[in-house]
């Protein structure tokens, strides 16, 4: 029997299957490192996980959970904007009837 990998949402602190969460990673920069969304889930390094809801992402920013998770000073000022852009892209792809992964129509 194959077990599903579990991760904790840093916003609401609930444990969920990995495939139900979004992964965030650090992008090198000076003086602070920026937090970016990792849609493929394959970027190098430590990841932080949130549910795909604005509430969880907002809670993570307010609680400074990204800095704690990455154990470093981070610039999380663009996280909500990046999440909103991701939601807009997801909504647009659903309206067009195409899948992001394969590009095939429904």
PDB file of N, CA and C in Angstrom:
ATOM      1  N   UNK A   1       0.843  -1.167   0.000  1.00  0.00           N
ATOM      2  CA  UNK A   1       0.000   0.000   0.000  1.00  0.00           C
ATOM      3  C   UNK A   1       0.897   1.242   0.000  1.00  0.00           C
ATOM      4  N   UNK A   2       0.617   2.165  -0.898  1.00  0.00           N
ATOM      5  CA  UNK A   2       1.401   3.389  -0.991  1.00  0.00           C
ATOM      6  C   UNK A   2       0.752   4.477  -0.138  1.00  0.00           C
ATOM      7  N   UNK A   3       1.543   5.066   0.738  1.00  0.00           N
ATOM      8  CA  UNK A   3       1.028   6.121   1.599  1.00  0.00           C
ATOM      9  C   UNK A   3       1.190   7.474   0.914  1.00  0.00           C
ATOM     10  N   UNK A   4       0.243   8.360   1.152  1.00  0.00           N
ATOM     11  CA  UNK A   4       0.327   9.716   0.618  1.00  0.00           C
ATOM     12  C   UNK A   4       1.239  10.539   1.518  1.00  0.00           C
ATOM     13  N   UNK A   5       2.077  11.347   0.898  1.00  0.00           N
ATOM     14  CA  UNK A   5       2.956  12.202   1.666  1.00  0.00           C
ATOM     15  C   UNK A   5       2.150  13.337   2.275  1.00  0.00           C
ATOM     16  N   UNK A   6       2.402  13.630   3.518  1.00  0.00           N
ATOM     17  CA  UNK A   6       1.680  14.647   4.262  1.00  0.00           C
ATOM     18  C   UNK A   6       2.561  15.881   4.469  1.00  0.00           C
ATOM     19  N   UNK A   7       1.951  17.051   4.412  1.00  0.00           N
ATOM     20  CA  UNK A   7       2.626  18.313   4.670  1.00  0.00           C
ATOM     21  C   UNK A   7       1.704  19.170   5.533  1.00  0.00           C
ATOM     22  N   UNK A   8       2.280  20.144   6.228  1.00  0.00           N
ATOM     23  CA  UNK A   8       1.515  21.051   7.070  1.00  0.00           C
ATOM     24  C   UNK A   8       1.409  22.411   6.402  1.00  0.00           C
ATOM     25  N   UNK A   9       0.209  22.930   6.294  1.00  0.00           N
ATOM     26  CA  UNK A   9      -0.019  24.276   5.766  1.00  0.00           C
ATOM     27  C   UNK A   9       0.510  25.259   6.804  1.00  0.00           C
ATOM     28  N   UNK A  10       1.394  26.174   6.372  1.00  0.00           N
ATOM     29  CA  UNK A  10       1.961  27.126   7.324  1.00  0.00           C
ATOM     30  C   UNK A  10       0.989  28.253   7.659  1.00  0.00           C
ATOM     31  N   UNK A  11      -0.135  28.323   6.964  1.00  0.00           N
ATOM     32  CA  UNK A  11      -1.151  29.331   7.258  1.00  0.00           C
ATOM     33  C   UNK A  11      -2.099  28.878   8.343  1.00  0.00           C
ATOM     34  N   UNK A  12      -2.761  27.754   8.120  1.00  0.00           N
ATOM     35  CA  UNK A  12      -3.771  27.281   9.076  1.00  0.00           C
ATOM     36  C   UNK A  12      -3.264  26.152   9.978  1.00  0.00           C
ATOM     37  N   UNK A  13      -2.054  25.647   9.691  1.00  0.00           N
ATOM     38  CA  UNK A  13      -1.390  24.611  10.497  1.00  0.00           C
ATOM     39  C   UNK A  13      -2.112  23.261  10.489  1.00  0.00           C
ATOM     40  N   UNK A  14      -2.830  22.937   9.404  1.00  0.00           N
ATOM     41  CA  UNK A  14      -3.455  21.622   9.305  1.00  0.00           C
ATOM     42  C   UNK A  14      -2.607  20.727   8.407  1.00  0.00           C
ATOM     43  N   UNK A  15      -2.584  19.453   8.734  1.00  0.00           N
ATOM     44  CA  UNK A  15      -1.828  18.472   7.966  1.00  0.00           C
ATOM     45  C   UNK A  15      -2.719  17.940   6.854  1.00  0.00           C
ATOM     46  N   UNK A  16      -2.185  17.952   5.627  1.00  0.00           N
ATOM     47  CA  UNK A  16      -2.957  17.584   4.444  1.00  0.00           C
ATOM     48  C   UNK A  16      -2.054  16.826   3.481  1.00  0.00           C
ATOM     49  N   UNK A  17      -2.659  16.125   2.526  1.00  0.00           N
ATOM     50  CA  UNK A  17      -1.883  15.477   1.474  1.00  0.00           C
ATOM     51  C   UNK A  17      -1.093  16.518   0.695  1.00  0.00           C
ATOM     52  N   UNK A  18       0.109  16.166   0.324  1.00  0.00           N
ATOM     53  CA  UNK A  18       1.010  17.065  -0.393  1.00  0.00           C
ATOM     54  C   UNK A  18       0.392  17.594  -1.686  1.00  0.00           C
ATOM     55  N   UNK A  19      -0.357  16.758  -2.393  1.00  0.00           N
ATOM     56  CA  UNK A  19      -0.917  17.162  -3.685  1.00  0.00           C
ATOM     57  C   UNK A  19      -2.080  18.147  -3.560  1.00  0.00           C
ATOM     58  N   UNK A  20      -2.509  18.461  -2.344  1.00  0.00           N
ATOM     59  CA  UNK A  20      -3.579  19.427  -2.124  1.00  0.00           C
ATOM     60  C   UNK A  20      -3.052  20.800  -1.718  1.00  0.00           C
ATOM     61  N   UNK A  21      -1.732  20.943  -1.648  1.00  0.00           N
ATOM     62  CA  UNK A  21      -1.112  22.177  -1.183  1.00  0.00           C
ATOM     63  C   UNK A  21      -0.249  22.814  -2.262  1.00  0.00           C
ATOM     64  N   UNK A  22       0.040  24.100  -2.097  1.00  0.00           N
ATOM     65  CA  UNK A  22       0.955  24.826  -2.972  1.00  0.00           C
ATOM     66  C   UNK A  22       2.320  24.914  -2.291  1.00  0.00           C
ATOM     67  N   UNK A  23       3.378  24.790  -3.080  1.00  0.00           N
ATOM     68  CA  UNK A  23       4.735  24.844  -2.537  1.00  0.00           C
ATOM     69  C   UNK A  23       5.355  26.197  -2.841  1.00  0.00           C
ATOM     70  N   UNK A  24       5.986  26.801  -1.844  1.00  0.00           N
ATOM     71  CA  UNK A  24       6.677  28.072  -1.961  1.00  0.00           C
ATOM     72  C   UNK A  24       8.157  27.836  -1.678  1.00  0.00           C
ATOM     73  N   UNK A  25       9.022  28.501  -2.425  1.00  0.00           N
ATOM     74  CA  UNK A  25      10.470  28.352  -2.259  1.00  0.00           C
ATOM     75  C   UNK A  25      11.126  29.731  -2.223  1.00  0.00           C
ATOM     76  N   UNK A  26      12.395  29.747  -1.816  1.00  0.00           N
ATOM     77  CA  UNK A  26      13.160  30.993  -1.782  1.00  0.00           C
ATOM     78  C   UNK A  26      13.893  31.207  -3.086  1.00  0.00           C
ATOM     79  N   UNK A  27      13.916  32.445  -3.536  1.00  0.00           N
ATOM     80  CA  UNK A  27      14.699  32.833  -4.698  1.00  0.00           C
ATOM     81  C   UNK A  27      15.811  33.732  -4.180  1.00  0.00           C
ATOM     82  N   UNK A  28      17.041  33.395  -4.532  1.00  0.00           N
ATOM     83  CA  UNK A  28      18.179  34.163  -4.025  1.00  0.00           C
ATOM     84  C   UNK A  28      18.115  35.608  -4.473  1.00  0.00           C
ATOM     85  N   UNK A  29      18.459  36.482  -3.577  1.00  0.00           N
ATOM     86  CA  UNK A  29      18.503  37.903  -3.853  1.00  0.00           C
ATOM     87  C   UNK A  29      19.147  38.620  -2.693  1.00  0.00           C
ATOM     88  N   UNK A  30      19.518  39.846  -2.906  1.00  0.00           N
ATOM     89  CA  UNK A  30      20.159  40.604  -1.844  1.00  0.00           C
ATOM     90  C   UNK A  30      19.334  41.852  -1.576  1.00  0.00           C
ATOM     91  N   UNK A  31      19.205  42.313  -0.391  1.00  0.00           N
ATOM     92  CA  UNK A  31      19.681  41.717   0.860  1.00  0.00           C
ATOM     93  C   UNK A  31      18.753  40.635   1.393  1.00  0.00           C
ATOM     94  N   UNK A  32      17.465  40.674   0.977  1.00  0.00           N
ATOM     95  CA  UNK A  32      16.521  39.639   1.423  1.00  0.00           C
ATOM     96  C   UNK A  32      16.192  38.702   0.268  1.00  0.00           C
ATOM     97  N   UNK A  33      15.870  37.481   0.605  1.00  0.00           N
ATOM     98  CA  UNK A  33      15.497  36.495  -0.410  1.00  0.00           C
ATOM     99  C   UNK A  33      13.986  36.514  -0.579  1.00  0.00           C
ATOM    100  N   UNK A  34      13.530  36.498  -1.819  1.00  0.00           N
ATOM    101  CA  UNK A  34      12.101  36.563  -2.127  1.00  0.00           C
ATOM    102  C   UNK A  34      11.476  35.173  -2.078  1.00  0.00           C
ATOM    103  N   UNK A  35      10.199  35.130  -1.714  1.00  0.00           N
ATOM    104  CA  UNK A  35       9.433  33.885  -1.678  1.00  0.00           C
ATOM    105  C   UNK A  35       8.655  33.781  -2.982  1.00  0.00           C
ATOM    106  N   UNK A  36       8.809  32.654  -3.688  1.00  0.00           N
ATOM    107  CA  UNK A  36       8.143  32.436  -4.979  1.00  0.00           C
ATOM    108  C   UNK A  36       7.342  31.148  -4.961  1.00  0.00           C
ATOM    109  N   UNK A  37       6.301  31.119  -5.757  1.00  0.00           N
ATOM    110  CA  UNK A  37       5.462  29.937  -5.906  1.00  0.00           C
ATOM    111  C   UNK A  37       6.160  28.923  -6.808  1.00  0.00           C
ATOM    112  N   UNK A  38       6.196  27.670  -6.391  1.00  0.00           N
ATOM    113  CA  UNK A  38       6.823  26.591  -7.157  1.00  0.00           C
ATOM    114  C   UNK A  38       5.714  25.686  -7.685  1.00  0.00           C
ATOM    115  N   UNK A  39       5.218  25.989  -8.878  1.00  0.00           N
ATOM    116  CA  UNK A  39       4.077  25.256  -9.421  1.00  0.00           C
ATOM    117  C   UNK A  39       4.407  23.815  -9.782  1.00  0.00           C
ATOM    118  N   UNK A  40       5.627  23.555 -10.239  1.00  0.00           N
ATOM    119  CA  UNK A  40       6.014  22.189 -10.604  1.00  0.00           C
ATOM    120  C   UNK A  40       6.368  21.355  -9.380  1.00  0.00           C
ATOM    121  N   UNK A  41       6.680  22.006  -8.273  1.00  0.00           N
ATOM    122  CA  UNK A  41       7.039  21.284  -7.061  1.00  0.00           C
ATOM    123  C   UNK A  41       8.398  20.632  -7.130  1.00  0.00           C
ATOM    124  N   UNK A  42       9.274  21.130  -8.007  1.00  0.00           N
ATOM    125  CA  UNK A  42      10.574  20.485  -8.186  1.00  0.00           C
ATOM    126  C   UNK A  42      11.751  21.433  -7.992  1.00  0.00           C
ATOM    127  N   UNK A  43      11.493  22.643  -7.505  1.00  0.00           N
ATOM    128  CA  UNK A  43      12.591  23.589  -7.293  1.00  0.00           C
ATOM    129  C   UNK A  43      13.489  23.094  -6.165  1.00  0.00           C
ATOM    130  N   UNK A  44      14.752  23.456  -6.248  1.00  0.00           N
ATOM    131  CA  UNK A  44      15.744  23.023  -5.275  1.00  0.00           C
ATOM    132  C   UNK A  44      15.519  23.711  -3.933  1.00  0.00           C
ATOM    133  N   UNK A  45      15.745  22.981  -2.862  1.00  0.00           N
ATOM    134  CA  UNK A  45      15.753  23.569  -1.524  1.00  0.00           C
ATOM    135  C   UNK A  45      14.506  23.297  -0.720  1.00  0.00           C
ATOM    136  N   UNK A  46      14.508  23.897   0.447  1.00  0.00           N
ATOM    137  CA  UNK A  46      13.411  23.746   1.401  1.00  0.00           C
ATOM    138  C   UNK A  46      12.153  24.404   0.841  1.00  0.00           C
ATOM    139  N   UNK A  47      11.025  23.801   1.096  1.00  0.00           N
ATOM    140  CA  UNK A  47       9.762  24.357   0.641  1.00  0.00           C
ATOM    141  C   UNK A  47       8.844  24.664   1.808  1.00  0.00           C
ATOM    142  N   UNK A  48       7.974  25.634   1.598  1.00  0.00           N
ATOM    143  CA  UNK A  48       6.915  25.950   2.551  1.00  0.00           C
ATOM    144  C   UNK A  48       5.602  25.651   1.838  1.00  0.00           C
ATOM    145  N   UNK A  49       4.619  25.169   2.564  1.00  0.00           N
ATOM    146  CA  UNK A  49       3.389  24.698   1.946  1.00  0.00           C
ATOM    147  C   UNK A  49       2.184  25.458   2.492  1.00  0.00           C
ATOM    148  N   UNK A  50       1.260  25.838   1.594  1.00  0.00           N
ATOM    149  CA  UNK A  50      -0.004  26.458   1.996  1.00  0.00           C
ATOM    150  C   UNK A  50      -1.138  25.853   1.173  1.00  0.00           C
ATOM    151  N   UNK A  51      -2.335  25.955   1.709  1.00  0.00           N
ATOM    152  CA  UNK A  51      -3.506  25.609   0.908  1.00  0.00           C
ATOM    153  C   UNK A  51      -3.636  26.629  -0.209  1.00  0.00           C
ATOM    154  N   UNK A  52      -4.368  26.292  -1.232  1.00  0.00           N
ATOM    155  CA  UNK A  52      -4.572  27.192  -2.356  1.00  0.00           C
ATOM    156  C   UNK A  52      -5.689  28.181  -2.118  1.00  0.00           C
ATOM    157  N   UNK A  53      -5.769  28.708  -0.905  1.00  0.00           N
ATOM    158  CA  UNK A  53      -6.785  29.705  -0.572  1.00  0.00           C
ATOM    159  C   UNK A  53      -6.105  30.989  -0.130  1.00  0.00           C
ATOM    160  N   UNK A  54      -6.758  32.096  -0.412  1.00  0.00           N
ATOM    161  CA  UNK A  54      -6.196  33.391  -0.030  1.00  0.00           C
ATOM    162  C   UNK A  54      -6.086  33.502   1.491  1.00  0.00           C
ATOM    163  N   UNK A  55      -7.036  32.913   2.197  1.00  0.00           N
ATOM    164  CA  UNK A  55      -7.036  32.978   3.658  1.00  0.00           C
ATOM    165  C   UNK A  55      -5.760  32.358   4.241  1.00  0.00           C
ATOM    166  N   UNK A  56      -5.387  31.187   3.770  1.00  0.00           N
ATOM    167  CA  UNK A  56      -4.186  30.517   4.289  1.00  0.00           C
ATOM    168  C   UNK A  56      -2.916  31.274   3.921  1.00  0.00           C
ATOM    169  N   UNK A  57      -2.844  31.775   2.699  1.00  0.00           N
ATOM    170  CA  UNK A  57      -1.665  32.520   2.271  1.00  0.00           C
ATOM    171  C   UNK A  57      -1.550  33.804   3.085  1.00  0.00           C
ATOM    172  N   UNK A  58      -2.659  34.479   3.304  1.00  0.00           N
ATOM    173  CA  UNK A  58      -2.665  35.708   4.084  1.00  0.00           C
ATOM    174  C   UNK A  58      -2.256  35.440   5.529  1.00  0.00           C
ATOM    175  N   UNK A  59      -2.748  34.365   6.106  1.00  0.00           N
ATOM    176  CA  UNK A  59      -2.373  34.009   7.473  1.00  0.00           C
ATOM    177  C   UNK A  59      -0.877  33.728   7.575  1.00  0.00           C
ATOM    178  N   UNK A  60      -0.325  33.064   6.582  1.00  0.00           N
ATOM    179  CA  UNK A  60       1.105  32.755   6.593  1.00  0.00           C
ATOM    180  C   UNK A  60       1.937  34.030   6.561  1.00  0.00           C
ATOM    181  N   UNK A  61       1.517  34.996   5.765  1.00  0.00           N
ATOM    182  CA  UNK A  61       2.245  36.277   5.695  1.00  0.00           C
ATOM    183  C   UNK A  61       2.109  37.026   7.017  1.00  0.00           C
ATOM    184  N   UNK A  62       0.898  37.104   7.556  1.00  0.00           N
ATOM    185  CA  UNK A  62       0.664  37.839   8.796  1.00  0.00           C
ATOM    186  C   UNK A  62       1.415  37.234   9.972  1.00  0.00           C
ATOM    187  N   UNK A  63       1.512  35.918  10.012  1.00  0.00           N
ATOM    188  CA  UNK A  63       2.183  35.230  11.117  1.00  0.00           C
ATOM    189  C   UNK A  63       3.699  35.155  10.934  1.00  0.00           C
ATOM    190  N   UNK A  64       4.178  35.666   9.794  1.00  0.00           N
ATOM    191  CA  UNK A  64       5.611  35.590   9.447  1.00  0.00           C
ATOM    192  C   UNK A  64       6.094  34.132   9.417  1.00  0.00           C
ATOM    193  N   UNK A  65       5.210  33.276   8.934  1.00  0.00           N
ATOM    194  CA  UNK A  65       5.491  31.839   8.901  1.00  0.00           C
ATOM    195  C   UNK A  65       6.554  31.493   7.857  1.00  0.00           C
ATOM    196  N   UNK A  66       6.668  32.286   6.778  1.00  0.00           N
ATOM    197  CA  UNK A  66       7.684  32.002   5.768  1.00  0.00           C
ATOM    198  C   UNK A  66       9.083  32.144   6.356  1.00  0.00           C
ATOM    199  N   UNK A  67       9.317  33.189   7.125  1.00  0.00           N
ATOM    200  CA  UNK A  67      10.632  33.403   7.742  1.00  0.00           C
ATOM    201  C   UNK A  67      10.973  32.265   8.706  1.00  0.00           C
ATOM    202  N   UNK A  68       9.989  31.817   9.476  1.00  0.00           N
ATOM    203  CA  UNK A  68      10.228  30.702  10.404  1.00  0.00           C
ATOM    204  C   UNK A  68      10.510  29.405   9.661  1.00  0.00           C
ATOM    205  N   UNK A  69       9.736  29.148   8.615  1.00  0.00           N
ATOM    206  CA  UNK A  69       9.903  27.908   7.867  1.00  0.00           C
ATOM    207  C   UNK A  69      11.263  27.849   7.188  1.00  0.00           C
ATOM    208  N   UNK A  70      11.661  28.965   6.560  1.00  0.00           N
ATOM    209  CA  UNK A  70      12.930  28.991   5.839  1.00  0.00           C
ATOM    210  C   UNK A  70      14.120  29.286   6.746  1.00  0.00           C
ATOM    211  N   UNK A  71      13.845  29.604   8.009  1.00  0.00           N
ATOM    212  CA  UNK A  71      14.897  29.889   8.991  1.00  0.00           C
ATOM    213  C   UNK A  71      15.836  30.992   8.496  1.00  0.00           C
ATOM    214  N   UNK A  72      15.246  32.029   7.913  1.00  0.00           N
ATOM    215  CA  UNK A  72      16.032  33.137   7.369  1.00  0.00           C
ATOM    216  C   UNK A  72      15.125  34.359   7.219  1.00  0.00           C
ATOM    217  N   UNK A  73      15.749  35.512   7.089  1.00  0.00           N
ATOM    218  CA  UNK A  73      14.990  36.725   6.793  1.00  0.00           C
ATOM    219  C   UNK A  73      14.554  36.660   5.335  1.00  0.00           C
ATOM    220  N   UNK A  74      13.272  36.846   5.094  1.00  0.00           N
ATOM    221  CA  UNK A  74      12.736  36.734   3.733  1.00  0.00           C
ATOM    222  C   UNK A  74      11.905  37.962   3.394  1.00  0.00           C
ATOM    223  N   UNK A  75      11.742  38.215   2.101  1.00  0.00           N
ATOM    224  CA  UNK A  75      10.873  39.270   1.606  1.00  0.00           C
ATOM    225  C   UNK A  75       9.588  38.613   1.131  1.00  0.00           C
ATOM    226  N   UNK A  76       8.560  38.662   1.962  1.00  0.00           N
ATOM    227  CA  UNK A  76       7.285  38.031   1.605  1.00  0.00           C
ATOM    228  C   UNK A  76       6.241  39.064   1.177  1.00  0.00           C
ATOM    229  N   UNK A  77       6.692  40.258   0.797  1.00  0.00           N
ATOM    230  CA  UNK A  77       5.776  41.333   0.438  1.00  0.00           C
ATOM    231  C   UNK A  77       5.030  41.058  -0.866  1.00  0.00           C
ATOM    232  N   UNK A  78       5.577  40.237  -1.737  1.00  0.00           N
ATOM    233  CA  UNK A  78       4.957  39.962  -3.036  1.00  0.00           C
ATOM    234  C   UNK A  78       4.163  38.651  -3.053  1.00  0.00           C
ATOM    235  N   UNK A  79       4.080  37.958  -1.940  1.00  0.00           N
ATOM    236  CA  UNK A  79       3.436  36.645  -1.899  1.00  0.00           C
ATOM    237  C   UNK A  79       1.957  36.730  -2.285  1.00  0.00           C
ATOM    238  N   UNK A  80       1.231  37.665  -1.716  1.00  0.00           N
ATOM    239  CA  UNK A  80      -0.202  37.772  -2.026  1.00  0.00           C
ATOM    240  C   UNK A  80      -0.431  38.150  -3.484  1.00  0.00           C
ATOM    241  N   UNK A  81       0.420  39.025  -4.031  1.00  0.00           N
ATOM    242  CA  UNK A  81       0.283  39.395  -5.441  1.00  0.00           C
ATOM    243  C   UNK A  81       0.569  38.199  -6.344  1.00  0.00           C
ATOM    244  N   UNK A  82       1.588  37.420  -6.003  1.00  0.00           N
ATOM    245  CA  UNK A  82       1.911  36.246  -6.807  1.00  0.00           C
ATOM    246  C   UNK A  82       0.797  35.205  -6.728  1.00  0.00           C
ATOM    247  N   UNK A  83       0.199  35.056  -5.542  1.00  0.00           N
ATOM    248  CA  UNK A  83      -0.903  34.113  -5.387  1.00  0.00           C
ATOM    249  C   UNK A  83      -2.122  34.565  -6.192  1.00  0.00           C
ATOM    250  N   UNK A  84      -2.418  35.855  -6.183  1.00  0.00           N
ATOM    251  CA  UNK A  84      -3.538  36.386  -6.951  1.00  0.00           C
ATOM    252  C   UNK A  84      -3.323  36.172  -8.449  1.00  0.00           C
ATOM    253  N   UNK A  85      -2.091  36.379  -8.915  1.00  0.00           N
ATOM    254  CA  UNK A  85      -1.774  36.140 -10.330  1.00  0.00           C
ATOM    255  C   UNK A  85      -1.950  34.663 -10.668  1.00  0.00           C
ATOM    256  N   UNK A  86      -1.560  33.773  -9.760  1.00  0.00           N
ATOM    257  CA  UNK A  86      -1.735  32.333  -9.957  1.00  0.00           C
ATOM    258  C   UNK A  86      -3.222  31.986 -10.063  1.00  0.00           C
ATOM    259  N   UNK A  87      -4.049  32.552  -9.173  1.00  0.00           N
ATOM    260  CA  UNK A  87      -5.489  32.299  -9.222  1.00  0.00           C
ATOM    261  C   UNK A  87      -6.099  32.792 -10.526  1.00  0.00           C
ATOM    262  N   UNK A  88      -5.662  33.983 -10.989  1.00  0.00           N
ATOM    263  CA  UNK A  88      -6.169  34.526 -12.245  1.00  0.00           C
ATOM    264  C   UNK A  88      -5.800  33.626 -13.420  1.00  0.00           C
ATOM    265  N   UNK A  89      -4.571  33.136 -13.418  1.00  0.00           N
ATOM    266  CA  UNK A  89      -4.115  32.242 -14.487  1.00  0.00           C
ATOM    267  C   UNK A  89      -4.904  30.936 -14.461  1.00  0.00           C
ATOM    268  N   UNK A  90      -5.156  30.416 -13.281  1.00  0.00           N
ATOM    269  CA  UNK A  90      -5.918  29.184 -13.133  1.00  0.00           C
ATOM    270  C   UNK A  90      -7.350  29.369 -13.621  1.00  0.00           C
ATOM    271  N   UNK A  91      -7.964  30.490 -13.270  1.00  0.00           N
ATOM    272  CA  UNK A  91      -9.330  30.767 -13.707  1.00  0.00           C
ATOM    273  C   UNK A  91      -9.395  30.933 -15.223  1.00  0.00           C
ATOM    274  N   UNK A  92      -8.413  31.598 -15.800  1.00  0.00           N
ATOM    275  CA  UNK A  92      -8.391  31.802 -17.246  1.00  0.00           C
ATOM    276  C   UNK A  92      -8.240  30.478 -17.987  1.00  0.00           C
ATOM    277  N   UNK A  93      -7.417  29.576 -17.463  1.00  0.00           N
ATOM    278  CA  UNK A  93      -7.223  28.285 -18.120  1.00  0.00           C
ATOM    279  C   UNK A  93      -8.480  27.424 -18.014  1.00  0.00           C
ATOM    280  N   UNK A  94      -9.230  27.560 -16.927  1.00  0.00           N
ATOM    281  CA  UNK A  94     -10.476  26.802 -16.785  1.00  0.00           C
ATOM    282  C   UNK A  94     -11.550  27.336 -17.713  1.00  0.00           C
ATOM    283  N   UNK A  95     -11.562  28.648 -17.933  1.00  0.00           N
ATOM    284  CA  UNK A  95     -12.540  29.239 -18.836  1.00  0.00           C
ATOM    285  C   UNK A  95     -12.263  28.880 -20.288  1.00  0.00           C
ATOM    286  N   UNK A  96     -10.980  28.736 -20.636  1.00  0.00           N
ATOM    287  CA  UNK A  96     -10.638  28.423 -22.021  1.00  0.00           C
ATOM    288  C   UNK A  96     -10.828  26.942 -22.335  1.00  0.00           C
ATOM    289  N   UNK A  97     -10.981  26.114 -21.304  1.00  0.00           N
ATOM    290  CA  UNK A  97     -11.182  24.689 -21.525  1.00  0.00           C
ATOM    291  C   UNK A  97      -9.904  23.928 -21.798  1.00  0.00           C
ATOM    292  N   UNK A  98      -8.768  24.528 -21.499  1.00  0.00           N
ATOM    293  CA  UNK A  98      -7.486  23.857 -21.720  1.00  0.00           C
ATOM    294  C   UNK A  98      -6.847  23.513 -20.386  1.00  0.00           C
ATOM    295  N   UNK A  99      -6.062  22.452 -20.416  1.00  0.00           N
ATOM    296  CA  UNK A  99      -5.300  22.044 -19.257  1.00  0.00           C
ATOM    297  C   UNK A  99      -3.913  22.637 -19.350  1.00  0.00           C
ATOM    298  N   UNK A 100      -3.379  23.131 -18.239  1.00  0.00           N
ATOM    299  CA  UNK A 100      -2.035  23.694 -18.236  1.00  0.00           C
ATOM    300  C   UNK A 100      -0.979  22.650 -18.558  1.00  0.00           C
ATOM    301  N   UNK A 101      -1.159  21.438 -18.059  1.00  0.00           N
ATOM    302  CA  UNK A 101      -0.119  20.418 -18.171  1.00  0.00           C
ATOM    303  C   UNK A 101       0.078  19.930 -19.600  1.00  0.00           C
ATOM    304  N   UNK A 102      -0.991  19.589 -20.269  1.00  0.00           N
ATOM    305  CA  UNK A 102      -0.837  18.990 -21.588  1.00  0.00           C
ATOM    306  C   UNK A 102      -1.163  19.942 -22.722  1.00  0.00           C
ATOM    307  N   UNK A 103      -1.952  20.953 -22.439  1.00  0.00           N
ATOM    308  CA  UNK A 103      -2.363  21.890 -23.474  1.00  0.00           C
ATOM    309  C   UNK A 103      -3.501  21.372 -24.329  1.00  0.00           C
ATOM    310  N   UNK A 104      -4.010  20.196 -24.006  1.00  0.00           N
ATOM    311  CA  UNK A 104      -5.096  19.623 -24.812  1.00  0.00           C
ATOM    312  C   UNK A 104      -6.432  20.197 -24.371  1.00  0.00           C
ATOM    313  N   UNK A 105      -7.364  20.217 -25.290  1.00  0.00           N
ATOM    314  CA  UNK A 105      -8.690  20.723 -24.970  1.00  0.00           C
ATOM    315  C   UNK A 105      -9.544  19.615 -24.371  1.00  0.00           C
ATOM    316  N   UNK A 106     -10.562  20.026 -23.678  1.00  0.00           N
ATOM    317  CA  UNK A 106     -11.478  19.075 -23.044  1.00  0.00           C
ATOM    318  C   UNK A 106     -12.475  18.586 -24.073  1.00  0.00           C
TER     319      UNK A 106
END
